[in-house]
Amino acid sequence: MININRRNFLNRTAGTAVVASAIYGVERAGAAEPFPRSPVLAADRSNPVPSSVHADLKRHGTIFERKIRQVGGHVYSAVGFADGNSVMVVGDDGVIIVDTGPDLAAAREVAAEFRKITDKPVRAVIYTAFHVDHINGVKAFASTDDVEAGRVTIIAHETLLANVIRSTGTIGPILGMRTAYNFGAPLVGADIDGMNLGNGPLNPRPNVLPSFSAPTTTFSSTLDVTIAGVAMKLAHVPSAAAAQVAVFLPQTGILLSSEVIPAQHFPALHTLRGEAFRSPVDWYQSIDALRRLPGERDGAVARGASGRRLGDRRGDAQLPRRHPVRARSDHPRNEQRAYA
């Protein structure tokens, strides 16, 4: 039961580098200890307010039930372990991991669950974005030795590494503090009971131990590749991230859309933490690109329930472009136009 406002949060956490690095960062060189997670000093208890969660948001959290979901015959998605799903695609003599989670602890839990399904070795890891919930758990699936020896290929868009460096270095400190505020890092106990992040569960951890391995294979527009007998078409689809990648499995018609197609929420066209502008035009054009993906069953992606969802999300991404909202204050100098 605490009262937090953005100003006192940022003031109290300014200069606390571990906050930025822990919430929005990758592995520190030579780091032996995990990052402390919750900046307790940011909590202002001078004006307590009752703890509550909107009923709709609480119901929304039920979709993040912690479990391994079988998407298709050989595709499994780990839901509810962290604020981003990790996917395992089982091939002939190995598996492909698509996204690795936000930290090693969560990723190790997912890896253990995947091992109950198959003991085939990891042959490749695909990062579909540069955000921490896609890249920071990689060493739970592939060691540095495996990557350096070429036993595991790490695939990403060609701009991923530059975006990681920018997000964790150039703008890392302020982005980290804003992200901590955005996701309620200081909240504990009753203040987070029944809460979720909208796109995943809220699982606060006392310590965060991130990991990162740089991509060994990158591409610009599209990449057709077969690994462990699994044919894949990777496509660059800028949307929730500039380096966003979608993975299409033509043999089964399964599309791993990453964050291009939000599950049950409006596309995150603007982030409270102040990330780079996400163009609605780029977003809906990326959805169009997904609708045109070829496969053994031509047009399978664009038909049926998947096609309707693609169409719905395309309309969502176009909405702020077609219907800009003008907000005025009493003073003409404070006129604002919000384009999401």
C-alpha atoms as a PDB file:
ATOM      1  CA  MET A   1       0.000   0.000   0.000  1.00  0.00           C
ATOM      2  CA  ILE A   2       2.383   2.637  -1.268  1.00  0.00           C
ATOM      3  CA  ASN A   3       2.101   5.735  -3.367  1.00  0.00           C
ATOM      4  CA  ILE A   4       4.594   6.059  -6.200  1.00  0.00           C
ATOM      5  CA  ASN A   5       4.712   8.897  -8.669  1.00  0.00           C
ATOM      6  CA  ARG A   6       7.066   9.163 -11.600  1.00  0.00           C
ATOM      7  CA  ARG A   7       8.923  12.222 -10.332  1.00  0.00           C
ATOM      8  CA  ASN A   8       9.877  10.844  -6.912  1.00  0.00           C
ATOM      9  CA  PHE A   9      10.730   7.482  -8.456  1.00  0.00           C
ATOM     10  CA  LEU A  10      13.168   8.941 -10.981  1.00  0.00           C
ATOM     11  CA  ASN A  11      14.614  11.346  -8.418  1.00  0.00           C
ATOM     12  CA  ARG A  12      15.236   8.586  -5.907  1.00  0.00           C
ATOM     13  CA  THR A  13      16.726   6.163  -8.430  1.00  0.00           C
ATOM     14  CA  ALA A  14      18.842   8.674 -10.355  1.00  0.00           C
ATOM     15  CA  GLY A  15      22.451   7.623 -10.200  1.00  0.00           C
ATOM     16  CA  THR A  16      21.603   4.060  -9.220  1.00  0.00           C
ATOM     17  CA  ALA A  17      23.193   2.290 -12.167  1.00  0.00           C
ATOM     18  CA  VAL A  18      22.213  -1.176 -11.010  1.00  0.00           C
ATOM     19  CA  VAL A  19      18.531  -0.310 -11.446  1.00  0.00           C
ATOM     20  CA  ALA A  20      19.007   0.523 -15.103  1.00  0.00           C
ATOM     21  CA  SER A  21      21.228  -2.448 -15.774  1.00  0.00           C
ATOM     22  CA  ALA A  22      19.044  -4.924 -13.932  1.00  0.00           C
ATOM     23  CA  ILE A  23      15.762  -3.983 -15.557  1.00  0.00           C
ATOM     24  CA  TYR A  24      16.988  -3.167 -19.038  1.00  0.00           C
ATOM     25  CA  GLY A  25      20.404  -4.595 -19.603  1.00  0.00           C
ATOM     26  CA  VAL A  26      22.472  -7.557 -20.637  1.00  0.00           C
ATOM     27  CA  GLU A  27      25.298  -9.406 -19.009  1.00  0.00           C
ATOM     28  CA  ARG A  28      28.069  -7.303 -17.510  1.00  0.00           C
ATOM     29  CA  ALA A  29      31.568  -8.310 -18.501  1.00  0.00           C
ATOM     30  CA  GLY A  30      33.012 -10.392 -15.683  1.00  0.00           C
ATOM     31  CA  ALA A  31      29.922 -10.057 -13.503  1.00  0.00           C
ATOM     32  CA  ALA A  32      29.964 -12.620 -10.717  1.00  0.00           C
ATOM     33  CA  GLU A  33      26.909 -11.524  -8.774  1.00  0.00           C
ATOM     34  CA  PRO A  34      23.321 -11.035  -9.973  1.00  0.00           C
ATOM     35  CA  PHE A  35      21.841  -7.576 -10.120  1.00  0.00           C
ATOM     36  CA  PRO A  36      19.646  -6.453  -7.213  1.00  0.00           C
ATOM     37  CA  ARG A  37      16.107  -6.112  -8.561  1.00  0.00           C
ATOM     38  CA  SER A  38      13.772  -3.877  -6.603  1.00  0.00           C
ATOM     39  CA  PRO A  39      14.791  -0.260  -5.832  1.00  0.00           C
ATOM     40  CA  VAL A  40      12.960  -0.084  -2.513  1.00  0.00           C
ATOM     41  CA  LEU A  41      14.043   3.513  -1.970  1.00  0.00           C
ATOM     42  CA  ALA A  42      11.650   4.546  -4.722  1.00  0.00           C
ATOM     43  CA  ALA A  43       8.608   3.654  -2.643  1.00  0.00           C
ATOM     44  CA  ASP A  44       7.014   6.700  -1.025  1.00  0.00           C
ATOM     45  CA  ARG A  45       4.845   5.511   1.887  1.00  0.00           C
ATOM     46  CA  SER A  46       3.954   8.987   3.121  1.00  0.00           C
ATOM     47  CA  ASN A  47       0.573   8.881   1.386  1.00  0.00           C
ATOM     48  CA  PRO A  48      -0.589   5.230   1.272  1.00  0.00           C
ATOM     49  CA  VAL A  49      -3.388   4.230  -1.072  1.00  0.00           C
ATOM     50  CA  PRO A  50      -5.410   1.002  -1.016  1.00  0.00           C
ATOM     51  CA  SER A  51      -4.030  -1.836  -3.116  1.00  0.00           C
ATOM     52  CA  SER A  52      -6.348  -2.853  -5.936  1.00  0.00           C
ATOM     53  CA  VAL A  53      -6.300  -4.393  -9.408  1.00  0.00           C
ATOM     54  CA  HIS A  54      -8.965  -3.628 -12.010  1.00  0.00           C
ATOM     55  CA  ALA A  55     -11.198  -6.667 -12.452  1.00  0.00           C
ATOM     56  CA  ASP A  56     -10.658  -6.760 -16.228  1.00  0.00           C
ATOM     57  CA  LEU A  57      -6.885  -6.711 -15.820  1.00  0.00           C
ATOM     58  CA  LYS A  58      -7.075  -9.467 -13.226  1.00  0.00           C
ATOM     59  CA  ARG A  59      -9.145 -11.628 -15.588  1.00  0.00           C
ATOM     60  CA  HIS A  60      -6.675 -10.896 -18.373  1.00  0.00           C
ATOM     61  CA  GLY A  61      -3.953 -12.466 -16.239  1.00  0.00           C
ATOM     62  CA  THR A  62      -5.600 -15.877 -16.443  1.00  0.00           C
ATOM     63  CA  ILE A  63      -4.332 -16.333 -20.021  1.00  0.00           C
ATOM     64  CA  PHE A  64      -0.801 -16.486 -18.600  1.00  0.00           C
ATOM     65  CA  GLU A  65      -1.338 -19.760 -16.790  1.00  0.00           C
ATOM     66  CA  ARG A  66       2.097 -21.285 -16.352  1.00  0.00           C
ATOM     67  CA  LYS A  67       2.372 -24.249 -18.720  1.00  0.00           C
ATOM     68  CA  ILE A  68       3.959 -25.634 -21.882  1.00  0.00           C
ATOM     69  CA  ARG A  69       1.462 -25.377 -24.731  1.00  0.00           C
ATOM     70  CA  GLN A  70       1.736 -27.588 -27.799  1.00  0.00           C
ATOM     71  CA  VAL A  71       1.200 -25.231 -30.729  1.00  0.00           C
ATOM     72  CA  GLY A  72       1.545 -27.901 -33.399  1.00  0.00           C
ATOM     73  CA  GLY A  73       2.903 -31.381 -33.821  1.00  0.00           C
ATOM     74  CA  HIS A  74       6.492 -30.367 -33.057  1.00  0.00           C
ATOM     75  CA  VAL A  75       6.181 -26.803 -31.757  1.00  0.00           C
ATOM     76  CA  TYR A  76       5.885 -25.964 -28.056  1.00  0.00           C
ATOM     77  CA  SER A  77       5.464 -22.589 -26.347  1.00  0.00           C
ATOM     78  CA  ALA A  78       6.374 -21.860 -22.715  1.00  0.00           C
ATOM     79  CA  VAL A  79       3.671 -19.527 -21.375  1.00  0.00           C
ATOM     80  CA  GLY A  80       3.560 -17.854 -17.977  1.00  0.00           C
ATOM     81  CA  PHE A  81       7.197 -18.307 -16.966  1.00  0.00           C
ATOM     82  CA  ALA A  82       8.158 -14.696 -17.746  1.00  0.00           C
ATOM     83  CA  ASP A  83       7.000 -11.621 -19.659  1.00  0.00           C
ATOM     84  CA  GLY A  84       7.696 -13.267 -23.005  1.00  0.00           C
ATOM     85  CA  ASN A  85       7.175 -16.754 -24.394  1.00  0.00           C
ATOM     86  CA  SER A  86       9.998 -19.058 -25.406  1.00  0.00           C
ATOM     87  CA  VAL A  87       9.232 -21.498 -28.216  1.00  0.00           C
ATOM     88  CA  MET A  88      10.843 -24.863 -28.962  1.00  0.00           C
ATOM     89  CA  VAL A  89      10.672 -26.346 -32.454  1.00  0.00           C
ATOM     90  CA  VAL A  90      11.646 -30.032 -32.448  1.00  0.00           C
ATOM     91  CA  GLY A  91      13.559 -31.252 -35.506  1.00  0.00           C
ATOM     92  CA  ASP A  92      15.082 -34.526 -36.646  1.00  0.00           C
ATOM     93  CA  ASP A  93      18.308 -34.372 -34.668  1.00  0.00           C
ATOM     94  CA  GLY A  94      17.918 -31.269 -32.548  1.00  0.00           C
ATOM     95  CA  VAL A  95      15.724 -28.364 -31.495  1.00  0.00           C
ATOM     96  CA  ILE A  96      15.455 -24.686 -32.343  1.00  0.00           C
ATOM     97  CA  ILE A  97      14.713 -22.203 -29.553  1.00  0.00           C
ATOM     98  CA  VAL A  98      12.864 -19.052 -30.553  1.00  0.00           C
ATOM     99  CA  ASP A  99      13.431 -16.350 -27.894  1.00  0.00           C
ATOM    100  CA  THR A 100      15.009 -17.093 -24.546  1.00  0.00           C
ATOM    101  CA  GLY A 101      13.240 -15.050 -21.850  1.00  0.00           C
ATOM    102  CA  PRO A 102      14.370 -12.080 -19.755  1.00  0.00           C
ATOM    103  CA  ASP A 103      16.870 -13.742 -17.398  1.00  0.00           C
ATOM    104  CA  LEU A 104      18.689 -16.976 -16.659  1.00  0.00           C
ATOM    105  CA  ALA A 105      16.467 -18.084 -13.781  1.00  0.00           C
ATOM    106  CA  ALA A 106      13.274 -18.026 -15.843  1.00  0.00           C
ATOM    107  CA  ALA A 107      15.050 -19.524 -18.867  1.00  0.00           C
ATOM    108  CA  ARG A 108      16.440 -22.406 -16.828  1.00  0.00           C
ATOM    109  CA  GLU A 109      12.940 -23.247 -15.643  1.00  0.00           C
ATOM    110  CA  VAL A 110      11.722 -23.278 -19.247  1.00  0.00           C
ATOM    111  CA  ALA A 111      14.700 -25.347 -20.409  1.00  0.00           C
ATOM    112  CA  ALA A 112      13.956 -27.950 -17.733  1.00  0.00           C
ATOM    113  CA  GLU A 113      10.342 -28.208 -18.921  1.00  0.00           C
ATOM    114  CA  PHE A 114      11.426 -28.524 -22.547  1.00  0.00           C
ATOM    115  CA  ARG A 115      13.810 -31.329 -21.549  1.00  0.00           C
ATOM    116  CA  LYS A 116      10.802 -33.316 -20.308  1.00  0.00           C
ATOM    117  CA  ILE A 117       9.539 -33.321 -23.909  1.00  0.00           C
ATOM    118  CA  THR A 118      12.804 -34.138 -25.702  1.00  0.00           C
ATOM    119  CA  ASP A 119      16.475 -34.530 -24.914  1.00  0.00           C
ATOM    120  CA  LYS A 120      17.584 -33.557 -28.414  1.00  0.00           C
ATOM    121  CA  PRO A 121      20.364 -30.921 -28.350  1.00  0.00           C
ATOM    122  CA  VAL A 122      19.806 -27.279 -29.165  1.00  0.00           C
ATOM    123  CA  ARG A 123      20.990 -26.602 -32.716  1.00  0.00           C
ATOM    124  CA  ALA A 124      19.936 -22.966 -33.061  1.00  0.00           C
ATOM    125  CA  VAL A 125      18.564 -19.990 -31.153  1.00  0.00           C
ATOM    126  CA  ILE A 126      16.555 -17.286 -32.899  1.00  0.00           C
ATOM    127  CA  TYR A 127      16.195 -13.814 -31.398  1.00  0.00           C
ATOM    128  CA  THR A 128      13.010 -12.221 -32.755  1.00  0.00           C
ATOM    129  CA  ALA A 129      13.789  -8.837 -31.140  1.00  0.00           C
ATOM    130  CA  PHE A 130      16.508  -7.057 -29.177  1.00  0.00           C
ATOM    131  CA  HIS A 131      14.406  -6.515 -26.040  1.00  0.00           C
ATOM    132  CA  VAL A 132      15.578  -8.316 -22.909  1.00  0.00           C
ATOM    133  CA  ASP A 133      12.646 -10.745 -22.792  1.00  0.00           C
ATOM    134  CA  HIS A 134      13.910 -12.201 -26.082  1.00  0.00           C
ATOM    135  CA  ILE A 135      17.674 -12.399 -25.490  1.00  0.00           C
ATOM    136  CA  ASN A 136      18.671 -12.452 -21.822  1.00  0.00           C
ATOM    137  CA  GLY A 137      18.099 -16.145 -21.060  1.00  0.00           C
ATOM    138  CA  VAL A 138      20.168 -17.543 -23.916  1.00  0.00           C
ATOM    139  CA  LYS A 139      22.821 -19.311 -21.830  1.00  0.00           C
ATOM    140  CA  ALA A 140      20.202 -21.561 -20.290  1.00  0.00           C
ATOM    141  CA  PHE A 141      19.906 -23.107 -23.755  1.00  0.00           C
ATOM    142  CA  ALA A 142      23.352 -22.651 -25.314  1.00  0.00           C
ATOM    143  CA  SER A 143      26.685 -22.190 -23.566  1.00  0.00           C
ATOM    144  CA  THR A 144      29.401 -19.864 -24.793  1.00  0.00           C
ATOM    145  CA  ASP A 145      31.463 -22.913 -25.758  1.00  0.00           C
ATOM    146  CA  ASP A 146      28.597 -24.335 -27.843  1.00  0.00           C
ATOM    147  CA  VAL A 147      28.260 -21.061 -29.741  1.00  0.00           C
ATOM    148  CA  GLU A 148      31.985 -20.512 -30.270  1.00  0.00           C
ATOM    149  CA  ALA A 149      32.460 -24.113 -31.445  1.00  0.00           C
ATOM    150  CA  GLY A 150      29.638 -23.743 -33.960  1.00  0.00           C
ATOM    151  CA  ARG A 151      27.445 -26.374 -32.337  1.00  0.00           C
ATOM    152  CA  VAL A 152      24.712 -23.770 -31.870  1.00  0.00           C
ATOM    153  CA  THR A 153      23.835 -21.057 -34.383  1.00  0.00           C
ATOM    154  CA  ILE A 154      22.327 -17.815 -33.104  1.00  0.00           C
ATOM    155  CA  ILE A 155      20.209 -16.036 -35.707  1.00  0.00           C
ATOM    156  CA  ALA A 156      18.916 -12.464 -35.603  1.00  0.00           C
ATOM    157  CA  HIS A 157      18.311  -9.401 -37.731  1.00  0.00           C
ATOM    158  CA  GLU A 158      21.473  -7.566 -38.774  1.00  0.00           C
ATOM    159  CA  THR A 159      20.646  -4.535 -36.596  1.00  0.00           C
ATOM    160  CA  LEU A 160      20.038  -6.473 -33.375  1.00  0.00           C
ATOM    161  CA  LEU A 161      23.494  -6.064 -31.869  1.00  0.00           C
ATOM    162  CA  ALA A 162      23.578  -2.309 -32.561  1.00  0.00           C
ATOM    163  CA  ASN A 163      20.181  -1.962 -30.891  1.00  0.00           C
ATOM    164  CA  VAL A 164      21.340  -3.967 -27.859  1.00  0.00           C
ATOM    165  CA  ILE A 165      24.396  -1.730 -27.483  1.00  0.00           C
ATOM    166  CA  ARG A 166      22.299   1.416 -27.809  1.00  0.00           C
ATOM    167  CA  SER A 167      19.635   0.255 -25.351  1.00  0.00           C
ATOM    168  CA  THR A 168      22.065  -0.965 -22.697  1.00  0.00           C
ATOM    169  CA  GLY A 169      24.801   1.606 -23.189  1.00  0.00           C
ATOM    170  CA  THR A 170      23.898   4.934 -24.739  1.00  0.00           C
ATOM    171  CA  ILE A 171      20.407   5.278 -23.282  1.00  0.00           C
ATOM    172  CA  GLY A 172      20.576   2.371 -20.835  1.00  0.00           C
ATOM    173  CA  PRO A 173      20.541   4.295 -17.526  1.00  0.00           C
ATOM    174  CA  ILE A 174      17.494   6.482 -18.207  1.00  0.00           C
ATOM    175  CA  LEU A 175      15.665   3.748 -20.114  1.00  0.00           C
ATOM    176  CA  GLY A 176      16.329   1.348 -17.251  1.00  0.00           C
ATOM    177  CA  MET A 177      14.882   3.702 -14.659  1.00  0.00           C
ATOM    178  CA  ARG A 178      11.833   4.416 -16.800  1.00  0.00           C
ATOM    179  CA  THR A 179      11.330   0.709 -17.399  1.00  0.00           C
ATOM    180  CA  ALA A 180      11.509  -0.012 -13.681  1.00  0.00           C
ATOM    181  CA  TYR A 181       8.788   2.569 -13.111  1.00  0.00           C
ATOM    182  CA  ASN A 182       6.787   1.383 -16.117  1.00  0.00           C
ATOM    183  CA  PHE A 183       6.685  -2.232 -14.874  1.00  0.00           C
ATOM    184  CA  GLY A 184       6.259  -1.495 -11.172  1.00  0.00           C
ATOM    185  CA  ALA A 185       9.636  -2.814 -10.028  1.00  0.00           C
ATOM    186  CA  PRO A 186       9.366  -1.350  -6.483  1.00  0.00           C
ATOM    187  CA  LEU A 187       5.967  -2.905  -5.799  1.00  0.00           C
ATOM    188  CA  VAL A 188       5.745  -5.924  -3.515  1.00  0.00           C
ATOM    189  CA  GLY A 189       3.158  -7.972  -1.645  1.00  0.00           C
ATOM    190  CA  ALA A 190      -0.428  -6.798  -1.881  1.00  0.00           C
ATOM    191  CA  ASP A 191       0.524  -4.132  -4.412  1.00  0.00           C
ATOM    192  CA  ILE A 192       1.162  -6.782  -7.077  1.00  0.00           C
ATOM    193  CA  ASP A 193      -1.266  -9.490  -6.019  1.00  0.00           C
ATOM    194  CA  GLY A 194      -3.323 -10.431  -9.087  1.00  0.00           C
ATOM    195  CA  MET A 195      -1.360  -8.036 -11.300  1.00  0.00           C
ATOM    196  CA  ASN A 196       0.122  -8.798 -14.722  1.00  0.00           C
ATOM    197  CA  LEU A 197       2.078  -6.916 -17.360  1.00  0.00           C
ATOM    198  CA  GLY A 198      -0.577  -7.059 -20.041  1.00  0.00           C
ATOM    199  CA  ASN A 199       1.641  -9.174 -22.275  1.00  0.00           C
ATOM    200  CA  GLY A 200       2.728 -11.621 -19.608  1.00  0.00           C
ATOM    201  CA  PRO A 201       2.734 -12.409 -15.890  1.00  0.00           C
ATOM    202  CA  LEU A 202       4.297 -10.141 -13.294  1.00  0.00           C
ATOM    203  CA  ASN A 203       6.943 -12.345 -11.698  1.00  0.00           C
ATOM    204  CA  PRO A 204       9.183 -10.138  -9.545  1.00  0.00           C
ATOM    205  CA  ARG A 205      12.504 -11.766  -8.730  1.00  0.00           C
ATOM    206  CA  PRO A 206      14.814 -10.641  -5.921  1.00  0.00           C
ATOM    207  CA  ASN A 207      17.818 -10.923  -8.224  1.00  0.00           C
ATOM    208  CA  VAL A 208      18.206 -10.783 -11.984  1.00  0.00           C
ATOM    209  CA  LEU A 209      21.046 -12.616 -13.720  1.00  0.00           C
ATOM    210  CA  PRO A 210      20.959 -11.806 -17.437  1.00  0.00           C
ATOM    211  CA  SER A 211      23.042 -13.450 -20.130  1.00  0.00           C
ATOM    212  CA  PHE A 212      23.759 -12.678 -23.754  1.00  0.00           C
ATOM    213  CA  SER A 213      25.499 -14.211 -26.752  1.00  0.00           C
ATOM    214  CA  ALA A 214      25.893 -12.216 -29.945  1.00  0.00           C
ATOM    215  CA  PRO A 215      24.285 -13.502 -33.147  1.00  0.00           C
ATOM    216  CA  THR A 216      26.456 -15.670 -35.388  1.00  0.00           C
ATOM    217  CA  THR A 217      24.146 -15.448 -38.406  1.00  0.00           C
ATOM    218  CA  THR A 218      22.295 -12.278 -39.411  1.00  0.00           C
ATOM    219  CA  PHE A 219      20.164 -11.189 -42.322  1.00  0.00           C
ATOM    220  CA  SER A 220      18.578  -8.054 -43.756  1.00  0.00           C
ATOM    221  CA  SER A 221      15.174  -8.788 -45.282  1.00  0.00           C
ATOM    222  CA  THR A 222      14.468 -12.533 -45.345  1.00  0.00           C
ATOM    223  CA  LEU A 223      16.348 -15.730 -44.629  1.00  0.00           C
ATOM    224  CA  ASP A 224      15.459 -19.235 -45.781  1.00  0.00           C
ATOM    225  CA  VAL A 225      17.234 -21.849 -43.703  1.00  0.00           C
ATOM    226  CA  THR A 226      16.862 -25.514 -42.743  1.00  0.00           C
ATOM    227  CA  ILE A 227      18.151 -26.646 -39.345  1.00  0.00           C
ATOM    228  CA  ALA A 228      17.686 -30.109 -37.865  1.00  0.00           C
ATOM    229  CA  GLY A 229      15.454 -30.924 -40.814  1.00  0.00           C
ATOM    230  CA  VAL A 230      13.117 -27.986 -40.063  1.00  0.00           C
ATOM    231  CA  ALA A 231      12.625 -25.570 -42.952  1.00  0.00           C
ATOM    232  CA  MET A 232      12.146 -21.982 -41.800  1.00  0.00           C
ATOM    233  CA  LYS A 233      11.545 -18.642 -43.458  1.00  0.00           C
ATOM    234  CA  LEU A 234      12.592 -15.686 -41.328  1.00  0.00           C
ATOM    235  CA  ALA A 235      11.298 -12.240 -42.228  1.00  0.00           C
ATOM    236  CA  HIS A 236      12.243  -8.793 -40.944  1.00  0.00           C
ATOM    237  CA  VAL A 237       8.970  -7.239 -39.757  1.00  0.00           C
ATOM    238  CA  PRO A 238       9.593  -3.921 -37.928  1.00  0.00           C
ATOM    239  CA  SER A 239       6.807  -3.363 -35.417  1.00  0.00           C
ATOM    240  CA  ALA A 240       7.223  -3.604 -31.633  1.00  0.00           C
ATOM    241  CA  ALA A 241      10.966  -3.456 -32.292  1.00  0.00           C
ATOM    242  CA  ALA A 242      13.015  -2.160 -35.187  1.00  0.00           C
ATOM    243  CA  ALA A 243      14.785  -5.522 -35.460  1.00  0.00           C
ATOM    244  CA  GLN A 244      11.634  -7.630 -35.111  1.00  0.00           C
ATOM    245  CA  VAL A 245      11.676 -11.031 -36.819  1.00  0.00           C
ATOM    246  CA  ALA A 246       8.869 -13.476 -37.573  1.00  0.00           C
ATOM    247  CA  VAL A 247       9.465 -17.182 -38.203  1.00  0.00           C
ATOM    248  CA  PHE A 248       7.313 -19.160 -40.635  1.00  0.00           C
ATOM    249  CA  LEU A 249       7.415 -22.966 -40.759  1.00  0.00           C
ATOM    250  CA  PRO A 250       6.155 -23.825 -44.260  1.00  0.00           C
ATOM    251  CA  GLN A 251       6.035 -27.574 -43.673  1.00  0.00           C
ATOM    252  CA  THR A 252       3.296 -27.137 -41.061  1.00  0.00           C
ATOM    253  CA  GLY A 253       1.948 -23.668 -41.887  1.00  0.00           C
ATOM    254  CA  ILE A 254       2.783 -22.434 -38.364  1.00  0.00           C
ATOM    255  CA  LEU A 255       3.663 -18.760 -37.989  1.00  0.00           C
ATOM    256  CA  LEU A 256       5.684 -17.574 -34.983  1.00  0.00           C
ATOM    257  CA  SER A 257       4.804 -13.900 -35.181  1.00  0.00           C
ATOM    258  CA  SER A 258       6.694 -12.665 -32.106  1.00  0.00           C
ATOM    259  CA  GLU A 259       5.187  -9.303 -31.069  1.00  0.00           C
ATOM    260  CA  VAL A 260       3.956  -8.322 -34.510  1.00  0.00           C
ATOM    261  CA  ILE A 261       0.614  -9.887 -33.589  1.00  0.00           C
ATOM    262  CA  PRO A 262      -0.183  -9.137 -29.926  1.00  0.00           C
ATOM    263  CA  ALA A 263      -2.184 -11.932 -28.362  1.00  0.00           C
ATOM    264  CA  GLN A 264      -4.972 -10.082 -26.566  1.00  0.00           C
ATOM    265  CA  HIS A 265      -4.010  -6.444 -26.346  1.00  0.00           C
ATOM    266  CA  PHE A 266      -3.686  -3.405 -28.584  1.00  0.00           C
ATOM    267  CA  PRO A 267      -0.326  -3.049 -30.378  1.00  0.00           C
ATOM    268  CA  ALA A 268       2.189  -1.210 -28.181  1.00  0.00           C
ATOM    269  CA  LEU A 269       2.721   1.682 -30.574  1.00  0.00           C
ATOM    270  CA  HIS A 270       4.084   3.904 -27.813  1.00  0.00           C
ATOM    271  CA  THR A 271       5.889   2.827 -24.645  1.00  0.00           C
ATOM    272  CA  LEU A 272       5.704   4.623 -21.326  1.00  0.00           C
ATOM    273  CA  ARG A 273       9.407   3.950 -20.835  1.00  0.00           C
ATOM    274  CA  GLY A 274      10.180   6.188 -23.819  1.00  0.00           C
ATOM    275  CA  GLU A 275      11.605   3.825 -26.402  1.00  0.00           C
ATOM    276  CA  ALA A 276      12.102   4.837 -30.016  1.00  0.00           C
ATOM    277  CA  PHE A 277       9.018   5.737 -32.056  1.00  0.00           C
ATOM    278  CA  ARG A 278       7.205   2.714 -33.467  1.00  0.00           C
ATOM    279  CA  SER A 279       5.717   3.583 -36.814  1.00  0.00           C
ATOM    280  CA  PRO A 280       2.114   2.418 -37.325  1.00  0.00           C
ATOM    281  CA  VAL A 281       2.833   2.373 -41.067  1.00  0.00           C
ATOM    282  CA  ASP A 282       5.796   0.013 -40.621  1.00  0.00           C
ATOM    283  CA  TRP A 283       3.693  -2.124 -38.301  1.00  0.00           C
ATOM    284  CA  TYR A 284       0.713  -2.683 -40.607  1.00  0.00           C
ATOM    285  CA  GLN A 285       3.005  -3.146 -43.605  1.00  0.00           C
ATOM    286  CA  SER A 286       4.814  -5.857 -41.650  1.00  0.00           C
ATOM    287  CA  ILE A 287       1.469  -7.551 -41.047  1.00  0.00           C
ATOM    288  CA  ASP A 288       0.836  -7.364 -44.789  1.00  0.00           C
ATOM    289  CA  ALA A 289       4.191  -9.086 -45.333  1.00  0.00           C
ATOM    290  CA  LEU A 290       3.134 -11.904 -43.005  1.00  0.00           C
ATOM    291  CA  ARG A 291      -0.109 -12.334 -44.903  1.00  0.00           C
ATOM    292  CA  ARG A 292       1.868 -12.857 -48.109  1.00  0.00           C
ATOM    293  CA  LEU A 293       4.190 -15.531 -46.719  1.00  0.00           C
ATOM    294  CA  PRO A 294       4.284 -18.543 -49.034  1.00  0.00           C
ATOM    295  CA  GLY A 295       4.151 -22.111 -47.822  1.00  0.00           C
ATOM    296  CA  GLU A 296       3.461 -25.633 -48.903  1.00  0.00           C
ATOM    297  CA  ARG A 297      -0.186 -24.762 -48.321  1.00  0.00           C
ATOM    298  CA  ASP A 298      -0.258 -21.540 -50.331  1.00  0.00           C
ATOM    299  CA  GLY A 299      -2.060 -18.765 -48.502  1.00  0.00           C
ATOM    300  CA  ALA A 300      -2.587 -20.798 -45.333  1.00  0.00           C
ATOM    301  CA  VAL A 301      -1.456 -17.903 -43.141  1.00  0.00           C
ATOM    302  CA  ALA A 302      -3.971 -15.486 -44.650  1.00  0.00           C
ATOM    303  CA  ARG A 303      -6.983 -17.799 -44.356  1.00  0.00           C
ATOM    304  CA  GLY A 304      -9.139 -18.877 -41.443  1.00  0.00           C
ATOM    305  CA  ALA A 305      -8.722 -17.746 -37.828  1.00  0.00           C
ATOM    306  CA  SER A 306      -5.079 -16.734 -38.330  1.00  0.00           C
ATOM    307  CA  GLY A 307      -6.025 -14.540 -41.251  1.00  0.00           C
ATOM    308  CA  ARG A 308      -8.786 -12.834 -39.273  1.00  0.00           C
ATOM    309  CA  ARG A 309      -6.392 -12.089 -36.423  1.00  0.00           C
ATOM    310  CA  LEU A 310      -3.850 -10.650 -38.853  1.00  0.00           C
ATOM    311  CA  GLY A 311      -6.583  -8.468 -40.349  1.00  0.00           C
ATOM    312  CA  ASP A 312      -7.753  -7.300 -36.909  1.00  0.00           C
ATOM    313  CA  ARG A 313      -4.256  -6.333 -35.804  1.00  0.00           C
ATOM    314  CA  ARG A 314      -3.579  -4.598 -39.113  1.00  0.00           C
ATOM    315  CA  GLY A 315      -6.627  -2.440 -38.428  1.00  0.00           C
ATOM    316  CA  ASP A 316      -5.411  -1.727 -34.898  1.00  0.00           C
ATOM    317  CA  ALA A 317      -2.016  -0.568 -36.164  1.00  0.00           C
ATOM    318  CA  GLN A 318      -3.670   1.728 -38.729  1.00  0.00           C
ATOM    319  CA  LEU A 319      -6.123   3.252 -36.239  1.00  0.00           C
ATOM    320  CA  PRO A 320      -3.885   6.027 -34.820  1.00  0.00           C
ATOM    321  CA  ARG A 321      -2.772   6.943 -38.333  1.00  0.00           C
ATOM    322  CA  ARG A 322      -6.306   7.243 -39.649  1.00  0.00           C
ATOM    323  CA  HIS A 323      -7.839   8.837 -36.560  1.00  0.00           C
ATOM    324  CA  PRO A 324      -5.326  11.115 -34.807  1.00  0.00           C
ATOM    325  CA  VAL A 325      -6.543  12.496 -31.501  1.00  0.00           C
ATOM    326  CA  ARG A 326      -6.204  16.197 -30.845  1.00  0.00           C
ATOM    327  CA  ALA A 327      -5.949  17.176 -27.183  1.00  0.00           C
ATOM    328  CA  ARG A 328      -6.083  20.839 -26.226  1.00  0.00           C
ATOM    329  CA  SER A 329      -5.482  22.590 -22.950  1.00  0.00           C
ATOM    330  CA  ASP A 330      -6.783  26.048 -22.054  1.00  0.00           C
ATOM    331  CA  HIS A 331      -3.549  27.647 -23.181  1.00  0.00           C
ATOM    332  CA  PRO A 332      -2.810  27.727 -26.936  1.00  0.00           C
ATOM    333  CA  ARG A 333       0.884  27.077 -26.349  1.00  0.00           C
ATOM    334  CA  ASN A 334       0.011  23.693 -24.808  1.00  0.00           C
ATOM    335  CA  GLU A 335      -1.888  22.373 -27.799  1.00  0.00           C
ATOM    336  CA  GLN A 336      -0.903  18.765 -28.447  1.00  0.00           C
ATOM    337  CA  ARG A 337      -1.605  16.204 -31.111  1.00  0.00           C
ATOM    338  CA  ALA A 338      -1.297  12.577 -30.065  1.00  0.00           C
ATOM    339  CA  TYR A 339      -0.521  10.083 -32.774  1.00  0.00           C
ATOM    340  CA  ALA A 340       0.217   7.168 -30.408  1.00  0.00           C
END
